[in-house]
Structures are given as structure tokens and as C-alpha cells.
C-alpha atoms as a PDB file:
ATOM      1  CA  UNK A   1     110.932 149.219 312.967  1.00  0.00           C
ATOM      2  CA  UNK A   2     108.238 151.868 312.537  1.00  0.00           C
ATOM      3  CA  UNK A   3     105.465 149.402 313.356  1.00  0.00           C
ATOM      4  CA  UNK A   4     107.341 148.181 316.454  1.00  0.00           C
ATOM      5  CA  UNK A   5     108.081 151.720 317.653  1.00  0.00           C
ATOM      6  CA  UNK A   6     104.410 152.464 317.181  1.00  0.00           C
ATOM      7  CA  UNK A   7     103.482 149.544 319.463  1.00  0.00           C
ATOM      8  CA  UNK A   8     105.866 149.235 322.462  1.00  0.00           C
ATOM      9  CA  UNK A   9     104.192 145.999 323.602  1.00  0.00           C
ATOM     10  CA  UNK A  10     105.138 144.300 320.340  1.00  0.00           C
ATOM     11  CA  UNK A  11     108.673 145.727 320.560  1.00  0.00           C
ATOM     12  CA  UNK A  12     108.947 144.264 324.078  1.00  0.00           C
ATOM     13  CA  UNK A  13     107.640 140.890 322.868  1.00  0.00           C
ATOM     14  CA  UNK A  14     110.275 140.752 320.120  1.00  0.00           C
ATOM     15  CA  UNK A  15     113.012 141.731 322.575  1.00  0.00           C
ATOM     16  CA  UNK A  16     111.899 139.212 325.209  1.00  0.00           C
ATOM     17  CA  UNK A  17     111.936 136.369 322.687  1.00  0.00           C
ATOM     18  CA  UNK A  18     115.423 137.403 321.558  1.00  0.00           C
ATOM     19  CA  UNK A  19     116.621 137.545 325.183  1.00  0.00           C
ATOM     20  CA  UNK A  20     115.200 134.101 325.895  1.00  0.00           C
ATOM     21  CA  UNK A  21     116.990 132.562 322.916  1.00  0.00           C
ATOM     22  CA  UNK A  22     120.188 134.631 322.789  1.00  0.00           C
ATOM     23  CA  UNK A  23     120.730 135.758 326.382  1.00  0.00           C
ATOM     24  CA  UNK A  24     122.147 139.159 327.287  1.00  0.00           C
ATOM     25  CA  UNK A  25     125.699 138.713 325.997  1.00  0.00           C
ATOM     26  CA  UNK A  26     126.826 138.320 322.410  1.00  0.00           C
ATOM     27  CA  UNK A  27     125.247 139.079 319.090  1.00  0.00           C
ATOM     28  CA  UNK A  28     122.598 137.250 317.097  1.00  0.00           C
ATOM     29  CA  UNK A  29     123.817 134.833 314.444  1.00  0.00           C
ATOM     30  CA  UNK A  30     122.093 133.853 311.229  1.00  0.00           C
ATOM     31  CA  UNK A  31     121.618 130.336 312.612  1.00  0.00           C
ATOM     32  CA  UNK A  32     119.475 131.777 315.432  1.00  0.00           C
ATOM     33  CA  UNK A  33     116.707 133.018 313.140  1.00  0.00           C
ATOM     34  CA  UNK A  34     114.758 129.741 313.020  1.00  0.00           C
ATOM     35  CA  UNK A  35     114.535 129.902 316.830  1.00  0.00           C
ATOM     36  CA  UNK A  36     112.923 133.359 316.684  1.00  0.00           C
ATOM     37  CA  UNK A  37     109.418 133.016 315.214  1.00  0.00           C
ATOM     38  CA  UNK A  38     108.162 136.405 316.389  1.00  0.00           C
ATOM     39  CA  UNK A  39     110.610 138.553 314.369  1.00  0.00           C
ATOM     40  CA  UNK A  40     109.754 136.393 311.351  1.00  0.00           C
ATOM     41  CA  UNK A  41     106.046 137.087 311.939  1.00  0.00           C
ATOM     42  CA  UNK A  42     106.800 140.816 312.278  1.00  0.00           C
ATOM     43  CA  UNK A  43     108.532 140.768 308.893  1.00  0.00           C
ATOM     44  CA  UNK A  44     105.578 138.960 307.286  1.00  0.00           C
ATOM     45  CA  UNK A  45     103.001 141.434 308.591  1.00  0.00           C
ATOM     46  CA  UNK A  46     105.225 144.344 307.595  1.00  0.00           C
ATOM     47  CA  UNK A  47     105.477 142.987 304.050  1.00  0.00           C
ATOM     48  CA  UNK A  48     101.694 142.570 304.021  1.00  0.00           C
ATOM     49  CA  UNK A  49     101.052 146.212 304.994  1.00  0.00           C
ATOM     50  CA  UNK A  50     104.074 147.826 303.362  1.00  0.00           C
ATOM     51  CA  UNK A  51     105.228 145.747 300.367  1.00  0.00           C
ATOM     52  CA  UNK A  52     108.480 147.156 298.943  1.00  0.00           C
ATOM     53  CA  UNK A  53     107.164 146.828 295.368  1.00  0.00           C
ATOM     54  CA  UNK A  54     103.421 147.588 295.689  1.00  0.00           C
ATOM     55  CA  UNK A  55     102.554 146.706 292.068  1.00  0.00           C
ATOM     56  CA  UNK A  56     105.261 144.073 291.586  1.00  0.00           C
ATOM     57  CA  UNK A  57     106.882 144.011 288.134  1.00  0.00           C
ATOM     58  CA  UNK A  58     104.663 144.597 285.057  1.00  0.00           C
ATOM     59  CA  UNK A  59     103.751 141.633 282.879  1.00  0.00           C
ATOM     60  CA  UNK A  60     102.145 141.425 279.454  1.00  0.00           C
ATOM     61  CA  UNK A  61      99.218 139.222 278.442  1.00  0.00           C
ATOM     62  CA  UNK A  62     100.254 136.730 275.751  1.00  0.00           C
ATOM     63  CA  UNK A  63      96.643 136.234 274.585  1.00  0.00           C
ATOM     64  CA  UNK A  64      93.096 137.432 275.247  1.00  0.00           C
ATOM     65  CA  UNK A  65      92.048 136.101 278.658  1.00  0.00           C
ATOM     66  CA  UNK A  66      88.713 136.113 280.512  1.00  0.00           C
ATOM     67  CA  UNK A  67      89.228 136.784 284.212  1.00  0.00           C
ATOM     68  CA  UNK A  68      86.577 137.535 286.860  1.00  0.00           C
ATOM     69  CA  UNK A  69      84.129 138.699 284.217  1.00  0.00           C
ATOM     70  CA  UNK A  70      86.631 140.955 282.454  1.00  0.00           C
ATOM     71  CA  UNK A  71      88.488 140.500 279.190  1.00  0.00           C
ATOM     72  CA  UNK A  72      92.217 141.081 279.421  1.00  0.00           C
ATOM     73  CA  UNK A  73      93.303 141.738 275.823  1.00  0.00           C
ATOM     74  CA  UNK A  74      96.467 140.402 274.289  1.00  0.00           C
ATOM     75  CA  UNK A  75      99.535 142.612 274.922  1.00  0.00           C
ATOM     76  CA  UNK A  76      97.820 144.415 277.827  1.00  0.00           C
ATOM     77  CA  UNK A  77     100.147 145.422 280.638  1.00  0.00           C
ATOM     78  CA  UNK A  78      99.258 143.611 283.867  1.00  0.00           C
ATOM     79  CA  UNK A  79     100.042 144.966 287.327  1.00  0.00           C
ATOM     80  CA  UNK A  80      99.371 142.976 290.512  1.00  0.00           C
ATOM     81  CA  UNK A  81      98.401 145.329 293.344  1.00  0.00           C
ATOM     82  CA  UNK A  82      99.852 143.470 296.328  1.00  0.00           C
ATOM     83  CA  UNK A  83      99.452 146.617 298.460  1.00  0.00           C
ATOM     84  CA  UNK A  84      95.664 146.376 298.023  1.00  0.00           C
ATOM     85  CA  UNK A  85      95.702 142.602 298.512  1.00  0.00           C
ATOM     86  CA  UNK A  86      97.410 143.071 301.869  1.00  0.00           C
ATOM     87  CA  UNK A  87      94.618 145.413 302.981  1.00  0.00           C
ATOM     88  CA  UNK A  88      91.691 143.428 301.592  1.00  0.00           C
ATOM     89  CA  UNK A  89      89.157 142.800 304.379  1.00  0.00           C
ATOM     90  CA  UNK A  90      87.833 139.694 302.588  1.00  0.00           C
ATOM     91  CA  UNK A  91      91.265 138.110 303.091  1.00  0.00           C
ATOM     92  CA  UNK A  92      92.580 139.758 306.262  1.00  0.00           C
ATOM     93  CA  UNK A  93      90.249 140.583 309.190  1.00  0.00           C
ATOM     94  CA  UNK A  94      90.824 144.161 310.404  1.00  0.00           C
ATOM     95  CA  UNK A  95      93.376 144.576 307.601  1.00  0.00           C
ATOM     96  CA  UNK A  96      95.000 147.871 308.672  1.00  0.00           C
ATOM     97  CA  UNK A  97      95.871 146.467 312.112  1.00  0.00           C
ATOM     98  CA  UNK A  98      99.506 145.394 312.531  1.00  0.00           C
ATOM     99  CA  UNK A  99      99.172 142.054 314.336  1.00  0.00           C
ATOM    100  CA  UNK A 100     101.966 139.541 313.622  1.00  0.00           C
ATOM    101  CA  UNK A 101     100.943 137.189 316.430  1.00  0.00           C
ATOM    102  CA  UNK A 102      97.322 136.835 315.300  1.00  0.00           C
ATOM    103  CA  UNK A 103      98.039 136.529 311.582  1.00  0.00           C
ATOM    104  CA  UNK A 104     101.206 134.468 311.382  1.00  0.00           C
ATOM    105  CA  UNK A 105     102.364 132.799 314.606  1.00  0.00           C
ATOM    106  CA  UNK A 106      99.645 130.143 314.571  1.00  0.00           C
ATOM    107  CA  UNK A 107      99.294 129.892 310.796  1.00  0.00           C
ATOM    108  CA  UNK A 108     101.446 128.516 308.002  1.00  0.00           C
ATOM    109  CA  UNK A 109     101.017 131.502 305.661  1.00  0.00           C
ATOM    110  CA  UNK A 110     104.331 132.439 304.067  1.00  0.00           C
ATOM    111  CA  UNK A 111     105.573 134.805 301.363  1.00  0.00           C
ATOM    112  CA  UNK A 112     107.469 132.224 299.312  1.00  0.00           C
ATOM    113  CA  UNK A 113     104.944 132.069 296.488  1.00  0.00           C
ATOM    114  CA  UNK A 114     102.640 129.274 297.675  1.00  0.00           C
ATOM    115  CA  UNK A 115     100.118 131.455 299.549  1.00  0.00           C
ATOM    116  CA  UNK A 116      98.686 133.902 297.047  1.00  0.00           C
ATOM    117  CA  UNK A 117      97.243 136.235 299.679  1.00  0.00           C
ATOM    118  CA  UNK A 118     100.837 137.234 300.519  1.00  0.00           C
ATOM    119  CA  UNK A 119     103.153 137.529 297.494  1.00  0.00           C
ATOM    120  CA  UNK A 120     105.439 140.564 298.037  1.00  0.00           C
ATOM    121  CA  UNK A 121     108.184 138.705 296.132  1.00  0.00           C
ATOM    122  CA  UNK A 122     105.869 137.466 293.345  1.00  0.00           C
ATOM    123  CA  UNK A 123     105.203 133.765 292.742  1.00  0.00           C
ATOM    124  CA  UNK A 124     105.727 130.935 290.303  1.00  0.00           C
ATOM    125  CA  UNK A 125     108.677 130.640 287.933  1.00  0.00           C
ATOM    126  CA  UNK A 126     109.326 134.385 288.040  1.00  0.00           C
ATOM    127  CA  UNK A 127     109.475 134.715 291.810  1.00  0.00           C
ATOM    128  CA  UNK A 128     112.181 137.106 293.009  1.00  0.00           C
ATOM    129  CA  UNK A 129     115.557 135.291 292.904  1.00  0.00           C
ATOM    130  CA  UNK A 130     116.696 137.296 295.931  1.00  0.00           C
ATOM    131  CA  UNK A 131     113.938 135.913 298.174  1.00  0.00           C
ATOM    132  CA  UNK A 132     116.082 133.347 300.081  1.00  0.00           C
ATOM    133  CA  UNK A 133     118.674 135.987 300.968  1.00  0.00           C
ATOM    134  CA  UNK A 134     116.079 138.646 301.817  1.00  0.00           C
ATOM    135  CA  UNK A 135     114.076 136.184 303.916  1.00  0.00           C
ATOM    136  CA  UNK A 136     117.078 135.423 306.104  1.00  0.00           C
ATOM    137  CA  UNK A 137     118.703 138.838 306.269  1.00  0.00           C
ATOM    138  CA  UNK A 138     115.640 140.991 307.013  1.00  0.00           C
ATOM    139  CA  UNK A 139     114.600 138.766 309.928  1.00  0.00           C
ATOM    140  CA  UNK A 140     118.221 138.567 311.102  1.00  0.00           C
ATOM    141  CA  UNK A 141     118.662 142.346 310.974  1.00  0.00           C
ATOM    142  CA  UNK A 142     115.423 142.971 312.850  1.00  0.00           C
ATOM    143  CA  UNK A 143     116.291 140.433 315.553  1.00  0.00           C
ATOM    144  CA  UNK A 144     119.756 141.982 315.921  1.00  0.00           C
ATOM    145  CA  UNK A 145     118.341 145.504 316.294  1.00  0.00           C
ATOM    146  CA  UNK A 146     115.761 144.646 318.951  1.00  0.00           C
ATOM    147  CA  UNK A 147     118.152 142.373 320.852  1.00  0.00           C
ATOM    148  CA  UNK A 148     121.159 144.688 320.901  1.00  0.00           C
ATOM    149  CA  UNK A 149     119.536 148.080 321.491  1.00  0.00           C
ATOM    150  CA  UNK A 150     116.873 149.920 323.440  1.00  0.00           C
ATOM    151  CA  UNK A 151     114.660 151.959 321.097  1.00  0.00           C
ATOM    152  CA  UNK A 152     112.391 154.955 321.611  1.00  0.00           C
ATOM    153  CA  UNK A 153     110.992 157.911 319.709  1.00  0.00           C
ATOM    154  CA  UNK A 154     113.092 161.114 319.718  1.00  0.00           C
ATOM    155  CA  UNK A 155     110.319 163.403 320.977  1.00  0.00           C
ATOM    156  CA  UNK A 156     109.387 162.595 324.569  1.00  0.00           C
ATOM    157  CA  UNK A 157     105.984 164.211 324.147  1.00  0.00           C
ATOM    158  CA  UNK A 158     105.141 162.102 321.071  1.00  0.00           C
ATOM    159  CA  UNK A 159     102.808 159.201 321.711  1.00  0.00           C
ATOM    160  CA  UNK A 160     103.705 156.056 319.719  1.00  0.00           C
ATOM    161  CA  UNK A 161     100.162 155.744 318.400  1.00  0.00           C
ATOM    162  CA  UNK A 162     100.429 159.277 316.957  1.00  0.00           C
ATOM    163  CA  UNK A 163     103.355 158.405 314.677  1.00  0.00           C
ATOM    164  CA  UNK A 164     103.024 159.550 311.076  1.00  0.00           C
ATOM    165  CA  UNK A 165     102.795 156.308 309.097  1.00  0.00           C
ATOM    166  CA  UNK A 166     101.936 157.941 305.777  1.00  0.00           C
ATOM    167  CA  UNK A 167     103.599 156.575 302.659  1.00  0.00           C
ATOM    168  CA  UNK A 168     105.051 158.446 299.713  1.00  0.00           C
ATOM    169  CA  UNK A 169     103.182 158.338 296.413  1.00  0.00           C
ATOM    170  CA  UNK A 170     103.655 154.767 295.165  1.00  0.00           C
ATOM    171  CA  UNK A 171     105.943 154.067 292.264  1.00  0.00           C
ATOM    172  CA  UNK A 172     108.149 151.089 291.534  1.00  0.00           C
ATOM    173  CA  UNK A 173     108.991 150.995 295.241  1.00  0.00           C
ATOM    174  CA  UNK A 174     107.096 152.034 298.355  1.00  0.00           C
ATOM    175  CA  UNK A 175     108.592 153.937 301.273  1.00  0.00           C
ATOM    176  CA  UNK A 176     107.650 156.282 304.083  1.00  0.00           C
ATOM    177  CA  UNK A 177     106.711 159.856 303.251  1.00  0.00           C
ATOM    178  CA  UNK A 178     109.070 161.005 306.014  1.00  0.00           C
ATOM    179  CA  UNK A 179     112.203 159.234 307.272  1.00  0.00           C
ATOM    180  CA  UNK A 180     111.840 157.359 310.557  1.00  0.00           C
ATOM    181  CA  UNK A 181     113.792 158.888 313.440  1.00  0.00           C
ATOM    182  CA  UNK A 182     114.504 156.821 316.550  1.00  0.00           C
ATOM    183  CA  UNK A 183     116.830 156.930 319.559  1.00  0.00           C
ATOM    184  CA  UNK A 184     118.863 153.819 320.295  1.00  0.00           C
ATOM    185  CA  UNK A 185     121.149 152.782 323.149  1.00  0.00           C
ATOM    186  CA  UNK A 186     123.238 149.625 323.458  1.00  0.00           C
ATOM    187  CA  UNK A 187     121.618 147.214 325.900  1.00  0.00           C
ATOM    188  CA  UNK A 188     123.371 143.820 325.920  1.00  0.00           C
ATOM    189  CA  UNK A 189     126.007 143.074 328.524  1.00  0.00           C
ATOM    190  CA  UNK A 190     129.294 143.388 326.633  1.00  0.00           C
ATOM    191  CA  UNK A 191     129.567 147.021 325.508  1.00  0.00           C
ATOM    192  CA  UNK A 192     132.859 146.254 323.726  1.00  0.00           C
ATOM    193  CA  UNK A 193     130.770 144.565 321.040  1.00  0.00           C
ATOM    194  CA  UNK A 194     129.576 147.968 319.887  1.00  0.00           C
ATOM    195  CA  UNK A 195     131.879 149.809 317.565  1.00  0.00           C
ATOM    196  CA  UNK A 196     132.619 153.358 318.789  1.00  0.00           C
ATOM    197  CA  UNK A 197     131.177 152.435 322.211  1.00  0.00           C
ATOM    198  CA  UNK A 198     127.484 153.005 321.543  1.00  0.00           C
ATOM    199  CA  UNK A 199     126.488 153.136 325.215  1.00  0.00           C
ATOM    200  CA  UNK A 200     124.790 156.545 325.352  1.00  0.00           C
ATOM    201  CA  UNK A 201     121.560 157.394 323.512  1.00  0.00           C
ATOM    202  CA  UNK A 202     121.969 158.384 319.874  1.00  0.00           C
ATOM    203  CA  UNK A 203     119.503 159.253 317.117  1.00  0.00           C
ATOM    204  CA  UNK A 204     119.436 157.163 313.965  1.00  0.00           C
ATOM    205  CA  UNK A 205     117.523 157.909 310.785  1.00  0.00           C
ATOM    206  CA  UNK A 206     115.961 155.058 308.818  1.00  0.00           C
ATOM    207  CA  UNK A 207     115.687 156.361 305.288  1.00  0.00           C
ATOM    208  CA  UNK A 208     114.458 154.628 302.146  1.00  0.00           C
ATOM    209  CA  UNK A 209     115.403 156.215 298.837  1.00  0.00           C
END
């Protein structure tokens, strides 16, 4: 959501695709996700720039291994820096630019362990067992949010491009240094779909602990 709030044109593109597929009445269903490639691309580029586990899970070398001119000794702890991989200019042109349409809409790159330039869920036999659920639910949640609500920043004088996108010191997980604040207002036709009648602007805080 932070990357979309930072770029209103991309937020509008995600909303327009959702409107085209879902209309203006009713809520998104899980079965709709395959018809919404742009939210899926947004999720991929978000995971590239902001992987939830920036160093994945530590592994241990079972034997001495030569790799890229270095010797990895037996029993050494191995960390895979997927945060750095996602910002590597030899892999991703203009790597700090959030651009789902250029990177993923016309390409078959996925995060399911077959494309090693994008492995936020690891790869191989030890790939994250929660990947199938996460893959569906994150895209579904994003599509639901942009389809059902109007979104804007809480401070009228704040320019989207001036948003603070800094990240907290990395640990096992990665999250924003400051919680994301945004104003939302129900936008689809049937307001009775919104519990507690969310028809006037309200502020929501996206917080990652």
C-alpha cells in the first residue's frame, strides 16, 4: 500500500483493473485473482524491494565449498541477502524504482522458487510451505483494498513522492521504520457491504510488528 500511495497513477491503474473485472458492486472473491494481473505484479515488485525476511532463514554448510572464488567452510552459517538481490542493478535495471508493469506484466518471473533473482520465500525443497496461501491472500487483500476504498495520505500538504519509505534496522523480518497512515473511504456502490457503515473518511494505520 505504501508504494501505491506514493504513486497515485499506479494506485489508479490497480483500481481501474479491479473495476473492469469486478464492477462497482460487490466484493472481490478469491477466484477473481487470476483475472487481476496488475495487483499480482504489484505484490511481486513489493516483495522484490521489501522482502519480509531480508536474509531468509540461516543455513549451515555441510562441507567445504568453493563458490565465486571464495571458500565456504564446513559448518559456516549461510545467509542469503534477498534484500540486496532485489536491488542489484546487474539483475534489475533502475533497481530502486517501483515499476510492476515494466518488470512483471510482460515477463514470466515469479517468486515460487524457479526464478532465483526473486526468492522472497526461498527455493528448492525448503521453500516456505506457506507460499501458496500467501500468494493468494496477499494479492486478494490488495485487490480488495483498492477496489473497495478510496485512499489518500492524511496530510493534505504532503506530496506522495515525499513519503518516508525508510525501513527499520533489518532483523529476522523487515518492516517500515514508521507505521503507514492513510485515509480510506468506501467507494463501491452498495454501502451496506461495509461493516459499521464506512462511508465517511477514516484514518487507518498499517503497522508491522
